[in-house]
Amino acid sequence: MRSLLEQRTPLYSQADLHITEREGDTPEDVAKRVLEGIPGVLKIQVSH
């Protein structure tokens, strides 16, 4: 897991969505914040 995280961290740092883990967070807490943040970074394409 540690090796995988080390490989992915440079890619994660380029993301428009940043979630900070807080002390006591459960995986569910983090997942909820990720899901709540996604609409703010998605770009809606409007066709004319």
C-alpha atoms as a PDB file:
ATOM      1  CA  MET A   1       0.000   0.000   0.000  1.00  0.00           C
ATOM      2  CA  ARG A   2       2.756   2.419   0.895  1.00  0.00           C
ATOM      3  CA  SER A   3       4.493   1.858  -2.446  1.00  0.00           C
ATOM      4  CA  LEU A   4       1.236   2.375  -4.327  1.00  0.00           C
ATOM      5  CA  LEU A   5       0.570   5.620  -2.462  1.00  0.00           C
ATOM      6  CA  GLU A   6       4.096   6.852  -3.200  1.00  0.00           C
ATOM      7  CA  GLN A   7       3.564   6.146  -6.901  1.00  0.00           C
ATOM      8  CA  ARG A   8       0.186   7.883  -7.016  1.00  0.00           C
ATOM      9  CA  THR A   9       0.873  10.930  -4.821  1.00  0.00           C
ATOM     10  CA  PRO A  10       2.312  13.053  -7.675  1.00  0.00           C
ATOM     11  CA  LEU A  11      -0.847  12.396  -9.692  1.00  0.00           C
ATOM     12  CA  TYR A  12      -3.140  13.062  -6.754  1.00  0.00           C
ATOM     13  CA  SER A  13      -1.443  16.411  -6.138  1.00  0.00           C
ATOM     14  CA  GLN A  14      -2.502  17.542  -9.620  1.00  0.00           C
ATOM     15  CA  ALA A  15      -6.194  17.005  -8.885  1.00  0.00           C
ATOM     16  CA  ASP A  16      -8.566  19.956  -8.619  1.00  0.00           C
ATOM     17  CA  LEU A  17     -10.208  18.332  -5.590  1.00  0.00           C
ATOM     18  CA  HIS A  18      -8.248  18.294  -2.350  1.00  0.00           C
ATOM     19  CA  ILE A  19      -9.574  16.511   0.719  1.00  0.00           C
ATOM     20  CA  THR A  20      -7.764  16.836   4.024  1.00  0.00           C
ATOM     21  CA  GLU A  21      -8.038  13.937   6.406  1.00  0.00           C
ATOM     22  CA  ARG A  22      -9.019  15.021   9.884  1.00  0.00           C
ATOM     23  CA  GLU A  23      -8.124  13.245  13.087  1.00  0.00           C
ATOM     24  CA  GLY A  24     -10.784  10.671  13.845  1.00  0.00           C
ATOM     25  CA  ASP A  25     -12.082  10.494  10.260  1.00  0.00           C
ATOM     26  CA  THR A  26     -13.486   7.178   9.184  1.00  0.00           C
ATOM     27  CA  PRO A  27     -13.122   6.025   5.580  1.00  0.00           C
ATOM     28  CA  GLU A  28     -16.816   6.833   5.227  1.00  0.00           C
ATOM     29  CA  ASP A  29     -16.217  10.431   6.390  1.00  0.00           C
ATOM     30  CA  VAL A  30     -13.511  10.932   3.781  1.00  0.00           C
ATOM     31  CA  ALA A  31     -15.573   9.281   1.045  1.00  0.00           C
ATOM     32  CA  LYS A  32     -18.530  11.531   1.882  1.00  0.00           C
ATOM     33  CA  ARG A  33     -16.378  14.680   1.566  1.00  0.00           C
ATOM     34  CA  VAL A  34     -14.983  13.432  -1.749  1.00  0.00           C
ATOM     35  CA  LEU A  35     -18.484  12.841  -3.109  1.00  0.00           C
ATOM     36  CA  GLU A  36     -19.639  16.236  -1.858  1.00  0.00           C
ATOM     37  CA  GLY A  37     -16.675  17.942  -3.527  1.00  0.00           C
ATOM     38  CA  ILE A  38     -16.962  16.320  -6.951  1.00  0.00           C
ATOM     39  CA  PRO A  39     -19.766  18.553  -8.296  1.00  0.00           C
ATOM     40  CA  GLY A  40     -17.623  21.602  -7.601  1.00  0.00           C
ATOM     41  CA  VAL A  41     -14.802  20.391  -9.849  1.00  0.00           C
ATOM     42  CA  LEU A  42     -16.788  18.878 -12.691  1.00  0.00           C
ATOM     43  CA  LYS A  43     -17.166  21.079 -15.701  1.00  0.00           C
ATOM     44  CA  ILE A  44     -20.562  20.889 -17.324  1.00  0.00           C
ATOM     45  CA  GLN A  45     -20.395  20.840 -21.092  1.00  0.00           C
ATOM     46  CA  VAL A  46     -23.182  22.731 -22.781  1.00  0.00           C
ATOM     47  CA  SER A  47     -23.737  22.097 -26.462  1.00  0.00           C
ATOM     48  CA  HIS A  48     -25.123  24.915 -28.610  1.00  0.00           C
END
